[in-house]
Amino acid sequence: MHVKNKRTIQHKVDDFKRYGFTLLALSVFMYLGVIIPSETVTPGKVATLMTGTTVMLGMSLLFFTKAIKYKKALQSADE
């Protein structure tokens, strides 16, 4: 595997990890908006926040899975 290709894959691994951590942090803040009691939170807002939290957690999992896949590909290319 070429050095440039390895570097590109390493950058993808780093990017996917960053995306995953960013989405994980955003989902935590949205979930905190659900569990912290407030008078202004309506059932519609709770449903929206929980849907957003679930979607962001799913996307975070997807990005972490892709990062692991690319990292394994990079390690197998080094062997």
N, C-alpha and C. Protein backbone atom coordinates (compact mmCIF):
# COMPACT_ATOMS: atom_id res chain seq x y z
N MET A 1 0.85 -1.17 0.00
CA MET A 1 0.00 0.00 0.00
C MET A 1 0.90 1.24 0.00
N HIS A 2 0.51 2.21 -0.75
CA HIS A 2 1.31 3.43 -0.86
C HIS A 2 1.21 4.26 0.41
N VAL A 3 2.25 5.04 0.65
CA VAL A 3 2.29 5.89 1.85
C VAL A 3 1.15 6.90 1.81
N LYS A 4 0.88 7.45 0.63
CA LYS A 4 -0.20 8.44 0.50
C LYS A 4 -1.55 7.81 0.83
N ASN A 5 -1.76 6.58 0.37
CA ASN A 5 -3.01 5.89 0.64
C ASN A 5 -3.14 5.57 2.13
N LYS A 6 -2.04 5.17 2.76
CA LYS A 6 -2.07 4.91 4.21
C LYS A 6 -2.40 6.18 4.98
N ARG A 7 -1.81 7.28 4.55
CA ARG A 7 -2.06 8.55 5.22
C ARG A 7 -3.54 8.96 5.07
N THR A 8 -4.09 8.72 3.88
CA THR A 8 -5.50 9.04 3.63
C THR A 8 -6.40 8.21 4.53
N ILE A 9 -6.10 6.93 4.65
CA ILE A 9 -6.90 6.06 5.51
C ILE A 9 -6.77 6.48 6.97
N GLN A 10 -5.57 6.85 7.40
CA GLN A 10 -5.38 7.31 8.78
C GLN A 10 -6.18 8.58 9.04
N HIS A 11 -6.22 9.48 8.06
CA HIS A 11 -7.02 10.70 8.21
C HIS A 11 -8.51 10.36 8.30
N LYS A 12 -8.95 9.36 7.55
CA LYS A 12 -10.35 8.94 7.62
C LYS A 12 -10.67 8.39 9.01
N VAL A 13 -9.76 7.59 9.54
CA VAL A 13 -9.96 7.04 10.89
C VAL A 13 -10.10 8.17 11.90
N ASP A 14 -9.21 9.14 11.82
CA ASP A 14 -9.26 10.28 12.75
C ASP A 14 -10.55 11.07 12.58
N ASP A 15 -10.95 11.32 11.33
CA ASP A 15 -12.17 12.08 11.08
C ASP A 15 -13.40 11.36 11.60
N PHE A 16 -13.50 10.05 11.34
CA PHE A 16 -14.66 9.31 11.80
C PHE A 16 -14.72 9.28 13.32
N LYS A 17 -13.58 9.20 13.99
CA LYS A 17 -13.58 9.25 15.45
C LYS A 17 -14.06 10.61 15.94
N ARG A 18 -13.59 11.67 15.30
CA ARG A 18 -14.04 13.02 15.69
C ARG A 18 -15.54 13.17 15.50
N TYR A 19 -16.05 12.71 14.35
CA TYR A 19 -17.49 12.80 14.10
C TYR A 19 -18.25 12.01 15.16
N GLY A 20 -17.77 10.82 15.48
CA GLY A 20 -18.44 10.00 16.48
C GLY A 20 -18.47 10.66 17.85
N PHE A 21 -17.34 11.22 18.28
CA PHE A 21 -17.30 11.87 19.59
C PHE A 21 -18.16 13.14 19.61
N THR A 22 -18.17 13.88 18.50
CA THR A 22 -19.00 15.08 18.43
C THR A 22 -20.47 14.73 18.54
N LEU A 23 -20.91 13.73 17.79
CA LEU A 23 -22.31 13.32 17.86
C LEU A 23 -22.65 12.74 19.22
N LEU A 24 -21.72 12.03 19.83
CA LEU A 24 -21.95 11.48 21.17
C LEU A 24 -22.14 12.61 22.18
N ALA A 25 -21.31 13.65 22.10
CA ALA A 25 -21.44 14.79 23.01
C ALA A 25 -22.76 15.52 22.79
N LEU A 26 -23.15 15.72 21.54
CA LEU A 26 -24.42 16.38 21.26
C LEU A 26 -25.60 15.57 21.78
N SER A 27 -25.53 14.25 21.63
CA SER A 27 -26.64 13.43 22.12
C SER A 27 -26.73 13.47 23.64
N VAL A 28 -25.59 13.58 24.32
CA VAL A 28 -25.61 13.69 25.78
C VAL A 28 -26.30 14.99 26.20
N PHE A 29 -25.98 16.09 25.52
CA PHE A 29 -26.63 17.36 25.86
C PHE A 29 -28.12 17.32 25.58
N MET A 30 -28.51 16.67 24.49
CA MET A 30 -29.94 16.57 24.20
C MET A 30 -30.64 15.69 25.24
N TYR A 31 -29.99 14.62 25.67
CA TYR A 31 -30.58 13.75 26.68
C TYR A 31 -30.70 14.48 28.02
N LEU A 32 -29.71 15.31 28.34
CA LEU A 32 -29.80 16.10 29.57
C LEU A 32 -30.99 17.05 29.52
N GLY A 33 -31.32 17.53 28.33
CA GLY A 33 -32.50 18.37 28.18
C GLY A 33 -33.78 17.62 28.47
N VAL A 34 -33.75 16.31 28.33
CA VAL A 34 -34.93 15.50 28.61
C VAL A 34 -35.03 15.19 30.10
N ILE A 35 -33.91 14.84 30.74
CA ILE A 35 -34.00 14.36 32.12
C ILE A 35 -34.00 15.48 33.15
N ILE A 36 -33.52 16.66 32.80
CA ILE A 36 -33.56 17.78 33.75
C ILE A 36 -34.97 18.36 33.74
N PRO A 37 -35.61 18.38 34.89
CA PRO A 37 -37.00 18.85 34.93
C PRO A 37 -37.10 20.35 34.61
N SER A 38 -38.11 20.66 33.84
CA SER A 38 -38.36 22.05 33.47
C SER A 38 -39.85 22.22 33.21
N GLU A 39 -40.34 23.42 33.47
CA GLU A 39 -41.76 23.68 33.25
C GLU A 39 -42.07 23.87 31.77
N THR A 40 -41.08 24.23 30.99
CA THR A 40 -41.33 24.53 29.58
C THR A 40 -41.23 23.31 28.67
N VAL A 41 -40.85 22.16 29.21
CA VAL A 41 -40.71 20.97 28.39
C VAL A 41 -42.07 20.31 28.23
N THR A 42 -42.53 20.25 27.00
CA THR A 42 -43.81 19.60 26.69
C THR A 42 -43.54 18.20 26.16
N PRO A 43 -44.57 17.35 26.13
CA PRO A 43 -44.36 15.99 25.59
C PRO A 43 -43.85 16.00 24.15
N GLY A 44 -44.26 16.98 23.37
CA GLY A 44 -43.77 17.07 21.99
C GLY A 44 -42.28 17.36 21.94
N LYS A 45 -41.83 18.23 22.84
CA LYS A 45 -40.39 18.54 22.90
C LYS A 45 -39.59 17.33 23.38
N VAL A 46 -40.16 16.60 24.34
CA VAL A 46 -39.48 15.41 24.85
C VAL A 46 -39.32 14.38 23.73
N ALA A 47 -40.38 14.18 22.96
CA ALA A 47 -40.31 13.22 21.85
C ALA A 47 -39.27 13.65 20.82
N THR A 48 -39.23 14.94 20.53
CA THR A 48 -38.25 15.45 19.57
C THR A 48 -36.83 15.27 20.09
N LEU A 49 -36.61 15.60 21.35
CA LEU A 49 -35.28 15.46 21.94
C LEU A 49 -34.84 13.99 21.99
N MET A 50 -35.75 13.10 22.35
CA MET A 50 -35.40 11.68 22.42
C MET A 50 -35.14 11.10 21.03
N THR A 51 -35.92 11.54 20.04
CA THR A 51 -35.68 11.09 18.67
C THR A 51 -34.31 11.57 18.19
N GLY A 52 -34.01 12.84 18.44
CA GLY A 52 -32.70 13.38 18.07
C GLY A 52 -31.56 12.67 18.78
N THR A 53 -31.76 12.38 20.05
CA THR A 53 -30.75 11.66 20.82
C THR A 53 -30.49 10.28 20.24
N THR A 54 -31.56 9.57 19.92
CA THR A 54 -31.44 8.23 19.36
C THR A 54 -30.75 8.25 18.00
N VAL A 55 -31.14 9.20 17.16
CA VAL A 55 -30.54 9.30 15.83
C VAL A 55 -29.05 9.63 15.95
N MET A 56 -28.71 10.56 16.82
CA MET A 56 -27.30 10.93 16.98
C MET A 56 -26.47 9.80 17.57
N LEU A 57 -27.04 9.05 18.50
CA LEU A 57 -26.32 7.89 19.04
C LEU A 57 -26.10 6.83 17.96
N GLY A 58 -27.11 6.63 17.13
CA GLY A 58 -26.97 5.68 16.02
C GLY A 58 -25.90 6.11 15.03
N MET A 59 -25.90 7.40 14.69
CA MET A 59 -24.89 7.91 13.76
C MET A 59 -23.50 7.84 14.38
N SER A 60 -23.42 8.10 15.68
CA SER A 60 -22.14 8.00 16.38
C SER A 60 -21.62 6.57 16.32
N LEU A 61 -22.49 5.62 16.56
CA LEU A 61 -22.11 4.21 16.47
C LEU A 61 -21.64 3.87 15.06
N LEU A 62 -22.34 4.38 14.06
CA LEU A 62 -21.95 4.14 12.67
C LEU A 62 -20.55 4.68 12.38
N PHE A 63 -20.27 5.90 12.85
CA PHE A 63 -18.95 6.49 12.60
C PHE A 63 -17.85 5.75 13.35
N PHE A 64 -18.12 5.32 14.58
CA PHE A 64 -17.12 4.55 15.31
C PHE A 64 -16.87 3.20 14.63
N THR A 65 -17.92 2.58 14.11
CA THR A 65 -17.78 1.32 13.39
C THR A 65 -16.93 1.49 12.14
N LYS A 66 -17.17 2.58 11.40
CA LYS A 66 -16.37 2.86 10.21
C LYS A 66 -14.91 3.11 10.58
N ALA A 67 -14.67 3.81 11.67
CA ALA A 67 -13.30 4.08 12.11
C ALA A 67 -12.58 2.77 12.43
N ILE A 68 -13.27 1.87 13.09
CA ILE A 68 -12.68 0.57 13.42
C ILE A 68 -12.39 -0.22 12.15
N LYS A 69 -13.31 -0.17 11.19
CA LYS A 69 -13.12 -0.88 9.92
C LYS A 69 -11.89 -0.37 9.18
N TYR A 70 -11.76 0.95 9.08
CA TYR A 70 -10.61 1.52 8.39
C TYR A 70 -9.31 1.26 9.15
N LYS A 71 -9.37 1.27 10.48
CA LYS A 71 -8.17 1.00 11.26
C LYS A 71 -7.70 -0.44 11.07
N LYS A 72 -8.65 -1.38 11.01
CA LYS A 72 -8.29 -2.78 10.75
C LYS A 72 -7.70 -2.93 9.36
N ALA A 73 -8.26 -2.20 8.38
CA ALA A 73 -7.72 -2.26 7.02
C ALA A 73 -6.31 -1.70 6.98
N LEU A 74 -6.07 -0.66 7.73
CA LEU A 74 -4.74 -0.06 7.79
C LEU A 74 -3.74 -1.01 8.45
N GLN A 75 -4.17 -1.67 9.52
CA GLN A 75 -3.28 -2.61 10.20
C GLN A 75 -2.99 -3.83 9.34
N SER A 76 -3.98 -4.31 8.60
CA SER A 76 -3.75 -5.47 7.74
C SER A 76 -2.85 -5.10 6.56
N ALA A 77 -2.88 -3.85 6.13
CA ALA A 77 -2.01 -3.41 5.04
C ALA A 77 -0.57 -3.28 5.52
N ASP A 78 -0.38 -3.00 6.80
CA ASP A 78 0.97 -2.88 7.34
C ASP A 78 1.67 -4.23 7.46
N GLU A 79 0.90 -5.29 7.56
CA GLU A 79 1.48 -6.63 7.75
C GLU A 79 2.05 -7.19 6.49
